[in-house]
Amino acid sequence: MRRLLPILALLALAGCNAGGIAVPPYPPVPAALPDPMPKPPVTPIPLVWQAGHWDWNGAGYVWQTGQWVPAEGHGPNWQPGWWNAIGGEWRWEPAHWVDG
Protein backbone atom coordinates (compact mmCIF):
# COMPACT_ATOMS: atom_id res chain seq x y z
CA MET A 1 0.00 0.00 0.00
CA ARG A 2 2.89 2.40 0.72
CA ARG A 3 4.16 2.01 -2.84
CA LEU A 4 0.71 2.48 -4.29
CA LEU A 5 0.04 5.82 -2.54
CA PRO A 6 2.58 7.95 -4.54
CA ILE A 7 1.35 6.42 -7.80
CA LEU A 8 -2.26 7.20 -6.95
CA ALA A 9 -1.31 10.76 -6.04
CA LEU A 10 0.44 11.27 -9.40
CA LEU A 11 -2.52 9.84 -11.27
CA ALA A 12 -4.89 12.15 -9.40
CA LEU A 13 -2.76 15.19 -10.28
CA ALA A 14 -2.54 14.15 -13.92
CA GLY A 15 -6.31 13.71 -14.08
CA CYS A 16 -6.93 17.19 -12.67
CA ASN A 17 -4.71 18.90 -15.23
CA ALA A 18 -5.83 16.86 -18.24
CA GLY A 19 -9.40 18.15 -18.40
CA GLY A 20 -9.41 21.25 -16.25
CA ILE A 21 -7.33 23.67 -18.31
CA ALA A 22 -8.76 25.03 -21.55
CA VAL A 23 -6.16 25.96 -24.16
CA PRO A 24 -7.33 28.48 -26.78
CA PRO A 25 -6.82 27.37 -30.37
CA TYR A 26 -4.87 30.51 -31.29
CA PRO A 27 -2.31 32.48 -29.31
CA PRO A 28 -3.28 36.05 -28.41
CA VAL A 29 -2.97 38.59 -31.20
CA PRO A 30 0.36 40.49 -31.03
CA ALA A 31 0.43 44.24 -30.60
CA ALA A 32 0.06 46.16 -33.85
CA LEU A 33 3.25 47.15 -35.63
CA PRO A 34 3.96 50.77 -36.51
CA ASP A 35 2.17 51.31 -39.82
CA PRO A 36 2.59 54.90 -40.97
CA MET A 37 -0.07 56.10 -43.37
CA PRO A 38 1.58 57.21 -46.63
CA LYS A 39 0.14 59.97 -48.77
CA PRO A 40 -2.70 58.61 -50.88
CA PRO A 41 -2.00 57.98 -54.53
CA VAL A 42 -3.33 60.52 -57.00
CA THR A 43 -6.51 59.03 -58.40
CA PRO A 44 -9.92 60.25 -59.50
CA ILE A 45 -11.49 57.72 -57.09
CA PRO A 46 -11.85 58.75 -53.41
CA LEU A 47 -9.77 56.51 -51.13
CA VAL A 48 -9.86 55.52 -47.46
CA TRP A 49 -6.88 54.22 -45.45
CA GLN A 50 -7.25 50.64 -44.16
CA ALA A 51 -4.71 50.24 -41.34
CA GLY A 52 -2.38 47.24 -41.16
CA HIS A 53 -3.33 44.24 -39.04
CA TRP A 54 -2.24 40.74 -38.04
CA ASP A 55 -3.70 37.90 -40.09
CA TRP A 56 -3.73 34.23 -39.03
CA ASN A 57 -2.31 31.92 -41.74
CA GLY A 58 -3.03 28.62 -39.97
CA ALA A 59 0.38 28.38 -38.30
CA GLY A 60 1.06 31.87 -36.99
CA TYR A 61 0.30 35.56 -37.36
CA VAL A 62 1.46 37.43 -40.47
CA TRP A 63 1.48 41.23 -40.66
CA GLN A 64 -0.68 42.72 -43.43
CA THR A 65 0.53 46.21 -44.27
CA GLY A 66 -2.04 48.99 -44.44
CA GLN A 67 -3.37 50.10 -47.80
CA TRP A 68 -5.54 52.67 -49.51
CA VAL A 69 -8.90 51.22 -50.61
CA PRO A 70 -11.54 52.74 -52.92
CA ALA A 71 -14.32 54.59 -51.13
CA GLU A 72 -16.48 55.16 -54.19
CA GLY A 73 -19.89 53.50 -54.34
CA HIS A 74 -20.13 52.85 -50.60
CA GLY A 75 -21.62 54.55 -47.57
CA PRO A 76 -19.77 57.34 -45.79
CA ASN A 77 -18.63 55.26 -42.79
CA TRP A 78 -15.61 52.94 -42.96
CA GLN A 79 -15.22 50.41 -40.12
CA PRO A 80 -11.59 49.25 -39.83
CA GLY A 81 -11.00 45.54 -39.26
CA TRP A 82 -10.36 44.23 -35.73
CA TRP A 83 -9.63 41.03 -33.80
CA ASN A 84 -12.59 39.82 -31.76
CA ALA A 85 -12.51 37.14 -29.03
CA ILE A 86 -15.63 34.99 -29.41
CA GLY A 87 -16.12 31.94 -27.23
CA GLY A 88 -12.44 31.74 -26.35
CA GLU A 89 -11.36 31.91 -30.01
CA TRP A 90 -9.85 34.90 -31.82
CA ARG A 91 -11.61 35.83 -35.05
CA TRP A 92 -10.63 38.54 -37.55
CA GLU A 93 -13.51 40.84 -38.38
CA PRO A 94 -12.57 42.36 -41.74
CA ALA A 95 -12.88 46.03 -42.52
CA HIS A 96 -16.16 46.97 -44.16
CA TRP A 97 -18.50 49.81 -45.05
CA VAL A 98 -21.27 50.65 -42.64
CA ASP A 99 -24.52 51.98 -44.05
CA GLY A 100 -25.55 55.13 -42.41
PDB file of N, CA and C in Angstrom:
ATOM      1  N   MET A   1       0.823  -1.201   0.000  1.00  0.00           N
ATOM      2  CA  MET A   1       0.000   0.000   0.000  1.00  0.00           C
ATOM      3  C   MET A   1       0.864   1.260   0.000  1.00  0.00           C
ATOM      4  N   ARG A   2       2.011   1.220   0.675  1.00  0.00           N
ATOM      5  CA  ARG A   2       2.887   2.399   0.720  1.00  0.00           C
ATOM      6  C   ARG A   2       3.409   2.743  -0.666  1.00  0.00           C
ATOM      7  N   ARG A   3       3.671   1.758  -1.491  1.00  0.00           N
ATOM      8  CA  ARG A   3       4.156   2.008  -2.844  1.00  0.00           C
ATOM      9  C   ARG A   3       3.031   2.534  -3.738  1.00  0.00           C
ATOM     10  N   LEU A   4       1.848   2.120  -3.467  1.00  0.00           N
ATOM     11  CA  LEU A   4       0.706   2.485  -4.292  1.00  0.00           C
ATOM     12  C   LEU A   4       0.271   3.943  -4.065  1.00  0.00           C
ATOM     13  N   LEU A   5       0.483   4.464  -2.877  1.00  0.00           N
ATOM     14  CA  LEU A   5       0.042   5.820  -2.544  1.00  0.00           C
ATOM     15  C   LEU A   5       0.668   6.898  -3.442  1.00  0.00           C
ATOM     16  N   PRO A   6       2.005   6.920  -3.651  1.00  0.00           N
ATOM     17  CA  PRO A   6       2.576   7.951  -4.543  1.00  0.00           C
ATOM     18  C   PRO A   6       2.068   7.828  -5.981  1.00  0.00           C
ATOM     19  N   ILE A   7       1.850   6.621  -6.433  1.00  0.00           N
ATOM     20  CA  ILE A   7       1.354   6.420  -7.800  1.00  0.00           C
ATOM     21  C   ILE A   7      -0.065   6.961  -7.924  1.00  0.00           C
ATOM     22  N   LEU A   8      -0.894   6.685  -6.929  1.00  0.00           N
ATOM     23  CA  LEU A   8      -2.260   7.195  -6.950  1.00  0.00           C
ATOM     24  C   LEU A   8      -2.281   8.724  -6.896  1.00  0.00           C
ATOM     25  N   ALA A   9      -1.388   9.302  -6.132  1.00  0.00           N
ATOM     26  CA  ALA A   9      -1.307  10.762  -6.036  1.00  0.00           C
ATOM     27  C   ALA A   9      -0.922  11.368  -7.386  1.00  0.00           C
ATOM     28  N   LEU A  10       0.041  10.777  -8.084  1.00  0.00           N
ATOM     29  CA  LEU A  10       0.439  11.268  -9.397  1.00  0.00           C
ATOM     30  C   LEU A  10      -0.693  11.135 -10.413  1.00  0.00           C
ATOM     31  N   LEU A  11      -1.393  10.031 -10.368  1.00  0.00           N
ATOM     32  CA  LEU A  11      -2.522   9.841 -11.273  1.00  0.00           C
ATOM     33  C   LEU A  11      -3.627  10.864 -11.008  1.00  0.00           C
ATOM     34  N   ALA A  12      -3.869  11.158  -9.757  1.00  0.00           N
ATOM     35  CA  ALA A  12      -4.892  12.147  -9.402  1.00  0.00           C
ATOM     36  C   ALA A  12      -4.496  13.527  -9.930  1.00  0.00           C
ATOM     37  N   LEU A  13      -3.225  13.895  -9.777  1.00  0.00           N
ATOM     38  CA  LEU A  13      -2.757  15.188 -10.282  1.00  0.00           C
ATOM     39  C   LEU A  13      -2.844  15.244 -11.801  1.00  0.00           C
ATOM     40  N   ALA A  14      -2.479  14.182 -12.458  1.00  0.00           N
ATOM     41  CA  ALA A  14      -2.541  14.148 -13.924  1.00  0.00           C
ATOM     42  C   ALA A  14      -3.984  14.272 -14.399  1.00  0.00           C
ATOM     43  N   GLY A  15      -4.897  13.641 -13.707  1.00  0.00           N
ATOM     44  CA  GLY A  15      -6.310  13.710 -14.085  1.00  0.00           C
ATOM     45  C   GLY A  15      -6.877  15.103 -13.909  1.00  0.00           C
ATOM     46  N   CYS A  16      -6.440  15.828 -12.894  1.00  0.00           N
ATOM     47  CA  CYS A  16      -6.934  17.192 -12.669  1.00  0.00           C
ATOM     48  C   CYS A  16      -6.475  18.128 -13.776  1.00  0.00           C
ATOM     49  N   ASN A  17      -5.243  17.993 -14.223  1.00  0.00           N
ATOM     50  CA  ASN A  17      -4.711  18.897 -15.229  1.00  0.00           C
ATOM     51  C   ASN A  17      -5.168  18.531 -16.636  1.00  0.00           C
ATOM     52  N   ALA A  18      -5.493  17.280 -16.881  1.00  0.00           N
ATOM     53  CA  ALA A  18      -5.835  16.857 -18.238  1.00  0.00           C
ATOM     54  C   ALA A  18      -7.117  17.514 -18.738  1.00  0.00           C
ATOM     55  N   GLY A  19      -8.130  17.617 -17.915  1.00  0.00           N
ATOM     56  CA  GLY A  19      -9.396  18.147 -18.400  1.00  0.00           C
ATOM     57  C   GLY A  19      -9.763  19.498 -17.844  1.00  0.00           C
ATOM     58  N   GLY A  20      -8.998  20.026 -16.926  1.00  0.00           N
ATOM     59  CA  GLY A  20      -9.408  21.252 -16.254  1.00  0.00           C
ATOM     60  C   GLY A  20      -8.892  22.535 -16.865  1.00  0.00           C
ATOM     61  N   ILE A  21      -7.909  22.454 -17.760  1.00  0.00           N
ATOM     62  CA  ILE A  21      -7.327  23.671 -18.314  1.00  0.00           C
ATOM     63  C   ILE A  21      -7.696  23.760 -19.780  1.00  0.00           C
ATOM     64  N   ALA A  22      -8.388  24.824 -20.152  1.00  0.00           N
ATOM     65  CA  ALA A  22      -8.765  25.030 -21.548  1.00  0.00           C
ATOM     66  C   ALA A  22      -7.661  25.810 -22.254  1.00  0.00           C
ATOM     67  N   VAL A  23      -7.196  25.305 -23.380  1.00  0.00           N
ATOM     68  CA  VAL A  23      -6.164  25.965 -24.161  1.00  0.00           C
ATOM     69  C   VAL A  23      -6.822  26.562 -25.402  1.00  0.00           C
ATOM     70  N   PRO A  24      -6.721  27.883 -25.595  1.00  0.00           N
ATOM     71  CA  PRO A  24      -7.333  28.482 -26.781  1.00  0.00           C
ATOM     72  C   PRO A  24      -6.656  27.976 -28.046  1.00  0.00           C
ATOM     73  N   PRO A  25      -7.396  27.903 -29.146  1.00  0.00           N
ATOM     74  CA  PRO A  25      -6.819  27.373 -30.374  1.00  0.00           C
ATOM     75  C   PRO A  25      -5.766  28.279 -30.995  1.00  0.00           C
ATOM     76  N   TYR A  26      -5.843  29.574 -30.746  1.00  0.00           N
ATOM     77  CA  TYR A  26      -4.871  30.507 -31.286  1.00  0.00           C
ATOM     78  C   TYR A  26      -4.203  31.257 -30.146  1.00  0.00           C
ATOM     79  N   PRO A  27      -2.932  31.612 -30.329  1.00  0.00           N
ATOM     80  CA  PRO A  27      -2.305  32.478 -29.311  1.00  0.00           C
ATOM     81  C   PRO A  27      -2.893  33.878 -29.412  1.00  0.00           C
ATOM     82  N   PRO A  28      -2.753  34.676 -28.356  1.00  0.00           N
ATOM     83  CA  PRO A  28      -3.285  36.045 -28.414  1.00  0.00           C
ATOM     84  C   PRO A  28      -2.676  36.831 -29.572  1.00  0.00           C
ATOM     85  N   VAL A  29      -3.421  37.758 -30.083  1.00  0.00           N
ATOM     86  CA  VAL A  29      -2.965  38.589 -31.200  1.00  0.00           C
ATOM     87  C   VAL A  29      -1.850  39.508 -30.710  1.00  0.00           C
ATOM     88  N   PRO A  30      -0.717  39.583 -31.445  1.00  0.00           N
ATOM     89  CA  PRO A  30       0.363  40.490 -31.027  1.00  0.00           C
ATOM     90  C   PRO A  30      -0.071  41.947 -31.136  1.00  0.00           C
ATOM     91  N   ALA A  31       0.686  42.797 -30.498  1.00  0.00           N
ATOM     92  CA  ALA A  31       0.433  44.240 -30.599  1.00  0.00           C
ATOM     93  C   ALA A  31       0.680  44.682 -32.041  1.00  0.00           C
ATOM     94  N   ALA A  32      -0.082  45.659 -32.481  1.00  0.00           N
ATOM     95  CA  ALA A  32       0.065  46.161 -33.854  1.00  0.00           C
ATOM     96  C   ALA A  32       1.459  46.746 -34.060  1.00  0.00           C
ATOM     97  N   LEU A  33       1.963  46.573 -35.262  1.00  0.00           N
ATOM     98  CA  LEU A  33       3.253  47.151 -35.626  1.00  0.00           C
ATOM     99  C   LEU A  33       3.048  48.598 -36.066  1.00  0.00           C
ATOM    100  N   PRO A  34       4.093  49.421 -35.989  1.00  0.00           N
ATOM    101  CA  PRO A  34       3.964  50.773 -36.515  1.00  0.00           C
ATOM    102  C   PRO A  34       3.630  50.684 -38.008  1.00  0.00           C
ATOM    103  N   ASP A  35       2.620  51.376 -38.430  1.00  0.00           N
ATOM    104  CA  ASP A  35       2.167  51.307 -39.816  1.00  0.00           C
ATOM    105  C   ASP A  35       1.824  52.716 -40.274  1.00  0.00           C
ATOM    106  N   PRO A  36       2.862  53.507 -40.598  1.00  0.00           N
ATOM    107  CA  PRO A  36       2.592  54.897 -40.973  1.00  0.00           C
ATOM    108  C   PRO A  36       1.741  54.969 -42.236  1.00  0.00           C
ATOM    109  N   MET A  37       0.833  55.916 -42.239  1.00  0.00           N
ATOM    110  CA  MET A  37      -0.066  56.100 -43.373  1.00  0.00           C
ATOM    111  C   MET A  37       0.638  56.970 -44.419  1.00  0.00           C
ATOM    112  N   PRO A  38       0.946  56.389 -45.588  1.00  0.00           N
ATOM    113  CA  PRO A  38       1.576  57.211 -46.626  1.00  0.00           C
ATOM    114  C   PRO A  38       0.555  58.132 -47.276  1.00  0.00           C
ATOM    115  N   LYS A  39       1.054  59.094 -48.033  1.00  0.00           N
ATOM    116  CA  LYS A  39       0.140  59.966 -48.773  1.00  0.00           C
ATOM    117  C   LYS A  39      -0.646  59.106 -49.755  1.00  0.00           C
ATOM    118  N   PRO A  40      -1.921  59.416 -49.942  1.00  0.00           N
ATOM    119  CA  PRO A  40      -2.702  58.613 -50.881  1.00  0.00           C
ATOM    120  C   PRO A  40      -2.218  58.830 -52.314  1.00  0.00           C
ATOM    121  N   PRO A  41      -2.373  57.790 -53.125  1.00  0.00           N
ATOM    122  CA  PRO A  41      -2.000  57.980 -54.532  1.00  0.00           C
ATOM    123  C   PRO A  41      -2.960  58.960 -55.210  1.00  0.00           C
ATOM    124  N   VAL A  42      -2.488  59.600 -56.250  1.00  0.00           N
ATOM    125  CA  VAL A  42      -3.329  60.524 -56.998  1.00  0.00           C
ATOM    126  C   VAL A  42      -4.234  59.687 -57.895  1.00  0.00           C
ATOM    127  N   THR A  43      -5.529  59.814 -57.663  1.00  0.00           N
ATOM    128  CA  THR A  43      -6.507  59.033 -58.405  1.00  0.00           C
ATOM    129  C   THR A  43      -7.831  59.790 -58.432  1.00  0.00           C
ATOM    130  N   PRO A  44      -8.617  59.592 -59.474  1.00  0.00           N
ATOM    131  CA  PRO A  44      -9.921  60.252 -59.503  1.00  0.00           C
ATOM    132  C   PRO A  44     -10.926  59.620 -58.536  1.00  0.00           C
ATOM    133  N   ILE A  45     -10.594  58.436 -58.004  1.00  0.00           N
ATOM    134  CA  ILE A  45     -11.486  57.716 -57.087  1.00  0.00           C
ATOM    135  C   ILE A  45     -11.142  58.103 -55.651  1.00  0.00           C
ATOM    136  N   PRO A  46     -12.136  58.485 -54.819  1.00  0.00           N
ATOM    137  CA  PRO A  46     -11.850  58.753 -53.406  1.00  0.00           C
ATOM    138  C   PRO A  46     -11.337  57.480 -52.715  1.00  0.00           C
ATOM    139  N   LEU A  47     -10.372  57.646 -51.831  1.00  0.00           N
ATOM    140  CA  LEU A  47      -9.767  56.513 -51.130  1.00  0.00           C
ATOM    141  C   LEU A  47      -9.893  56.674 -49.624  1.00  0.00           C
ATOM    142  N   VAL A  48      -9.852  55.556 -48.919  1.00  0.00           N
ATOM    143  CA  VAL A  48      -9.862  55.522 -47.456  1.00  0.00           C
ATOM    144  C   VAL A  48      -8.708  54.620 -47.028  1.00  0.00           C
ATOM    145  N   TRP A  49      -8.007  55.007 -45.953  1.00  0.00           N
ATOM    146  CA  TRP A  49      -6.882  54.217 -45.446  1.00  0.00           C
ATOM    147  C   TRP A  49      -7.386  53.049 -44.614  1.00  0.00           C
ATOM    148  N   GLN A  50      -6.968  51.837 -44.960  1.00  0.00           N
ATOM    149  CA  GLN A  50      -7.245  50.638 -44.163  1.00  0.00           C
ATOM    150  C   GLN A  50      -5.946  50.290 -43.444  1.00  0.00           C
ATOM    151  N   ALA A  51      -5.930  50.449 -42.130  1.00  0.00           N
ATOM    152  CA  ALA A  51      -4.709  50.241 -41.343  1.00  0.00           C
ATOM    153  C   ALA A  51      -4.241  48.787 -41.408  1.00  0.00           C
ATOM    154  N   GLY A  52      -2.950  48.587 -41.181  1.00  0.00           N
ATOM    155  CA  GLY A  52      -2.382  47.244 -41.157  1.00  0.00           C
ATOM    156  C   GLY A  52      -2.916  46.438 -39.978  1.00  0.00           C
ATOM    157  N   HIS A  53      -2.827  45.116 -40.092  1.00  0.00           N
ATOM    158  CA  HIS A  53      -3.334  44.237 -39.037  1.00  0.00           C
ATOM    159  C   HIS A  53      -2.642  42.878 -39.120  1.00  0.00           C
ATOM    160  N   TRP A  54      -2.753  42.104 -38.054  1.00  0.00           N
ATOM    161  CA  TRP A  54      -2.236  40.744 -38.038  1.00  0.00           C
ATOM    162  C   TRP A  54      -3.276  39.812 -38.638  1.00  0.00           C
ATOM    163  N   ASP A  55      -2.825  38.888 -39.472  1.00  0.00           N
ATOM    164  CA  ASP A  55      -3.705  37.900 -40.092  1.00  0.00           C
ATOM    165  C   ASP A  55      -3.197  36.511 -39.702  1.00  0.00           C
ATOM    166  N   TRP A  56      -4.092  35.593 -39.409  1.00  0.00           N
ATOM    167  CA  TRP A  56      -3.730  34.227 -39.027  1.00  0.00           C
ATOM    168  C   TRP A  56      -3.628  33.384 -40.291  1.00  0.00           C
ATOM    169  N   ASN A  57      -2.482  32.719 -40.524  1.00  0.00           N
ATOM    170  CA  ASN A  57      -2.313  31.924 -41.736  1.00  0.00           C
ATOM    171  C   ASN A  57      -2.423  30.422 -41.489  1.00  0.00           C
ATOM    172  N   GLY A  58      -2.882  30.026 -40.309  1.00  0.00           N
ATOM    173  CA  GLY A  58      -3.028  28.618 -39.970  1.00  0.00           C
ATOM    174  C   GLY A  58      -1.902  28.106 -39.090  1.00  0.00           C
ATOM    175  N   ALA A  59      -0.754  28.797 -39.117  1.00  0.00           N
ATOM    176  CA  ALA A  59       0.382  28.378 -38.297  1.00  0.00           C
ATOM    177  C   ALA A  59       0.904  29.508 -37.419  1.00  0.00           C
ATOM    178  N   GLY A  60       0.580  30.730 -37.754  1.00  0.00           N
ATOM    179  CA  GLY A  60       1.056  31.875 -36.991  1.00  0.00           C
ATOM    180  C   GLY A  60       0.476  33.153 -37.566  1.00  0.00           C
ATOM    181  N   TYR A  61       0.791  34.263 -36.916  1.00  0.00           N
ATOM    182  CA  TYR A  61       0.301  35.563 -37.357  1.00  0.00           C
ATOM    183  C   TYR A  61       1.259  36.161 -38.383  1.00  0.00           C
ATOM    184  N   VAL A  62       0.692  36.766 -39.417  1.00  0.00           N
ATOM    185  CA  VAL A  62       1.457  37.426 -40.471  1.00  0.00           C
ATOM    186  C   VAL A  62       0.947  38.859 -40.563  1.00  0.00           C
ATOM    187  N   TRP A  63       1.877  39.820 -40.600  1.00  0.00           N
ATOM    188  CA  TRP A  63       1.484  41.225 -40.657  1.00  0.00           C
ATOM    189  C   TRP A  63       1.032  41.589 -42.072  1.00  0.00           C
ATOM    190  N   GLN A  64      -0.146  42.195 -42.167  1.00  0.00           N
ATOM    191  CA  GLN A  64      -0.679  42.717 -43.426  1.00  0.00           C
ATOM    192  C   GLN A  64      -0.538  44.233 -43.376  1.00  0.00           C
ATOM    193  N   THR A  65       0.283  44.769 -44.253  1.00  0.00           N
ATOM    194  CA  THR A  65       0.529  46.207 -44.271  1.00  0.00           C
ATOM    195  C   THR A  65      -0.731  46.969 -44.662  1.00  0.00           C
ATOM    196  N   GLY A  66      -0.889  48.157 -44.110  1.00  0.00           N
ATOM    197  CA  GLY A  66      -2.039  48.995 -44.441  1.00  0.00           C
ATOM    198  C   GLY A  66      -2.059  49.368 -45.914  1.00  0.00           C
ATOM    199  N   GLN A  67      -3.243  49.756 -46.381  1.00  0.00           N
ATOM    200  CA  GLN A  67      -3.373  50.104 -47.795  1.00  0.00           C
ATOM    201  C   GLN A  67      -4.516  51.089 -47.999  1.00  0.00           C
ATOM    202  N   TRP A  68      -4.459  51.785 -49.102  1.00  0.00           N
ATOM    203  CA  TRP A  68      -5.537  52.673 -49.507  1.00  0.00           C
ATOM    204  C   TRP A  68      -6.556  51.844 -50.276  1.00  0.00           C
ATOM    205  N   VAL A  69      -7.839  51.974 -49.938  1.00  0.00           N
ATOM    206  CA  VAL A  69      -8.903  51.225 -50.612  1.00  0.00           C
ATOM    207  C   VAL A  69      -9.915  52.204 -51.194  1.00  0.00           C
ATOM    208  N   PRO A  70     -10.552  51.834 -52.307  1.00  0.00           N
ATOM    209  CA  PRO A  70     -11.536  52.741 -52.921  1.00  0.00           C
ATOM    210  C   PRO A  70     -12.724  52.981 -52.002  1.00  0.00           C
ATOM    211  N   ALA A  71     -13.163  54.229 -51.951  1.00  0.00           N
ATOM    212  CA  ALA A  71     -14.323  54.589 -51.132  1.00  0.00           C
ATOM    213  C   ALA A  71     -15.566  54.775 -51.989  1.00  0.00           C
ATOM    214  N   GLU A  72     -15.384  54.867 -53.266  1.00  0.00           N
ATOM    215  CA  GLU A  72     -16.479  55.164 -54.191  1.00  0.00           C
ATOM    216  C   GLU A  72     -17.532  54.054 -54.201  1.00  0.00           C
ATOM    217  N   GLY A  73     -18.803  54.460 -54.235  1.00  0.00           N
ATOM    218  CA  GLY A  73     -19.889  53.497 -54.341  1.00  0.00           C
ATOM    219  C   GLY A  73     -20.303  52.873 -53.023  1.00  0.00           C
ATOM    220  N   HIS A  74     -19.800  53.392 -51.923  1.00  0.00           N
ATOM    221  CA  HIS A  74     -20.131  52.850 -50.605  1.00  0.00           C
ATOM    222  C   HIS A  74     -20.694  53.954 -49.723  1.00  0.00           C
ATOM    223  N   GLY A  75     -21.135  53.567 -48.531  1.00  0.00           N
ATOM    224  CA  GLY A  75     -21.622  54.549 -47.566  1.00  0.00           C
ATOM    225  C   GLY A  75     -20.482  55.418 -47.066  1.00  0.00           C
ATOM    226  N   PRO A  76     -20.797  56.401 -46.248  1.00  0.00           N
ATOM    227  CA  PRO A  76     -19.772  57.339 -45.787  1.00  0.00           C
ATOM    228  C   PRO A  76     -18.917  56.814 -44.634  1.00  0.00           C
ATOM    229  N   ASN A  77     -19.321  55.721 -43.999  1.00  0.00           N
ATOM    230  CA  ASN A  77     -18.632  55.259 -42.788  1.00  0.00           C
ATOM    231  C   ASN A  77     -17.824  53.995 -43.042  1.00  0.00           C
ATOM    232  N   TRP A  78     -16.524  54.068 -42.790  1.00  0.00           N
ATOM    233  CA  TRP A  78     -15.612  52.943 -42.965  1.00  0.00           C
ATOM    234  C   TRP A  78     -15.281  52.370 -41.590  1.00  0.00           C
ATOM    235  N   GLN A  79     -15.538  51.089 -41.387  1.00  0.00           N
ATOM    236  CA  GLN A  79     -15.225  50.409 -40.121  1.00  0.00           C
ATOM    237  C   GLN A  79     -13.940  49.621 -40.324  1.00  0.00           C
ATOM    238  N   PRO A  80     -12.827  50.023 -39.680  1.00  0.00           N
ATOM    239  CA  PRO A  80     -11.590  49.250 -39.830  1.00  0.00           C
ATOM    240  C   PRO A  80     -11.770  47.834 -39.277  1.00  0.00           C
ATOM    241  N   GLY A  81     -10.968  46.912 -39.762  1.00  0.00           N
ATOM    242  CA  GLY A  81     -11.005  45.539 -39.259  1.00  0.00           C
ATOM    243  C   GLY A  81     -10.467  45.464 -37.841  1.00  0.00           C
ATOM    244  N   TRP A  82     -10.825  44.402 -37.102  1.00  0.00           N
ATOM    245  CA  TRP A  82     -10.362  44.233 -35.730  1.00  0.00           C
ATOM    246  C   TRP A  82     -10.401  42.750 -35.358  1.00  0.00           C
ATOM    247  N   TRP A  83      -9.615  42.388 -34.348  1.00  0.00           N
ATOM    248  CA  TRP A  83      -9.628  41.027 -33.798  1.00  0.00           C
ATOM    249  C   TRP A  83     -10.659  40.980 -32.690  1.00  0.00           C
ATOM    250  N   ASN A  84     -11.495  39.950 -32.705  1.00  0.00           N
ATOM    251  CA  ASN A  84     -12.589  39.820 -31.756  1.00  0.00           C
ATOM    252  C   ASN A  84     -12.497  38.446 -31.091  1.00  0.00           C
ATOM    253  N   ALA A  85     -12.530  38.410 -29.759  1.00  0.00           N
ATOM    254  CA  ALA A  85     -12.505  37.137 -29.027  1.00  0.00           C
ATOM    255  C   ALA A  85     -13.944  36.670 -28.845  1.00  0.00           C
ATOM    256  N   ILE A  86     -14.279  35.553 -29.487  1.00  0.00           N
ATOM    257  CA  ILE A  86     -15.627  34.995 -29.406  1.00  0.00           C
ATOM    258  C   ILE A  86     -15.532  33.561 -28.916  1.00  0.00           C
ATOM    259  N   GLY A  87     -16.123  33.292 -27.764  1.00  0.00           N
ATOM    260  CA  GLY A  87     -16.115  31.936 -27.227  1.00  0.00           C
ATOM    261  C   GLY A  87     -14.725  31.374 -27.004  1.00  0.00           C
ATOM    262  N   GLY A  88     -13.792  32.202 -26.610  1.00  0.00           N
ATOM    263  CA  GLY A  88     -12.437  31.740 -26.351  1.00  0.00           C
ATOM    264  C   GLY A  88     -11.581  31.615 -27.602  1.00  0.00           C
ATOM    265  N   GLU A  89     -12.117  31.966 -28.763  1.00  0.00           N
ATOM    266  CA  GLU A  89     -11.358  31.913 -30.013  1.00  0.00           C
ATOM    267  C   GLU A  89     -11.209  33.323 -30.565  1.00  0.00           C
ATOM    268  N   TRP A  90     -10.068  33.607 -31.176  1.00  0.00           N
ATOM    269  CA  TRP A  90      -9.851  34.899 -31.816  1.00  0.00           C
ATOM    270  C   TRP A  90     -10.312  34.801 -33.257  1.00  0.00           C
ATOM    271  N   ARG A  91     -11.089  35.803 -33.684  1.00  0.00           N
ATOM    272  CA  ARG A  91     -11.606  35.827 -35.050  1.00  0.00           C
ATOM    273  C   ARG A  91     -11.376  37.220 -35.634  1.00  0.00           C
ATOM    274  N   TRP A  92     -10.852  37.272 -36.871  1.00  0.00           N
ATOM    275  CA  TRP A  92     -10.633  38.537 -37.546  1.00  0.00           C
ATOM    276  C   TRP A  92     -11.942  39.010 -38.159  1.00  0.00           C
ATOM    277  N   GLU A  93     -12.335  40.209 -37.798  1.00  0.00           N
ATOM    278  CA  GLU A  93     -13.514  40.844 -38.382  1.00  0.00           C
ATOM    279  C   GLU A  93     -12.983  41.812 -39.432  1.00  0.00           C
ATOM    280  N   PRO A  94     -13.161  41.512 -40.709  1.00  0.00           N
ATOM    281  CA  PRO A  94     -12.567  42.355 -41.742  1.00  0.00           C
ATOM    282  C   PRO A  94     -13.170  43.756 -41.798  1.00  0.00           C
ATOM    283  N   ALA A  95     -12.400  44.671 -42.340  1.00  0.00           N
ATOM    284  CA  ALA A  95     -12.882  46.034 -42.524  1.00  0.00           C
ATOM    285  C   ALA A  95     -14.056  46.016 -43.494  1.00  0.00           C
ATOM    286  N   HIS A  96     -14.987  46.935 -43.283  1.00  0.00           N
ATOM    287  CA  HIS A  96     -16.158  46.967 -44.156  1.00  0.00           C
ATOM    288  C   HIS A  96     -16.829  48.336 -44.079  1.00  0.00           C
ATOM    289  N   TRP A  97     -17.718  48.574 -45.023  1.00  0.00           N
ATOM    290  CA  TRP A  97     -18.499  49.806 -45.050  1.00  0.00           C
ATOM    291  C   TRP A  97     -19.741  49.622 -44.210  1.00  0.00           C
ATOM    292  N   VAL A  98     -20.085  50.673 -43.473  1.00  0.00           N
ATOM    293  CA  VAL A  98     -21.267  50.654 -42.636  1.00  0.00           C
ATOM    294  C   VAL A  98     -22.279  51.612 -43.242  1.00  0.00           C
ATOM    295  N   ASP A  99     -23.472  51.100 -43.504  1.00  0.00           N
ATOM    296  CA  ASP A  99     -24.516  51.980 -44.048  1.00  0.00           C
ATOM    297  C   ASP A  99     -24.914  52.999 -42.992  1.00  0.00           C
ATOM    298  N   GLY A 100     -25.137  54.162 -43.403  1.00  0.00           N
ATOM    299  CA  GLY A 100     -25.554  55.132 -42.413  1.00  0.00           C
ATOM    300  C   GLY A 100     -25.617  56.446 -42.986  1.00  0.00           C
TER     301      GLY A 100
END
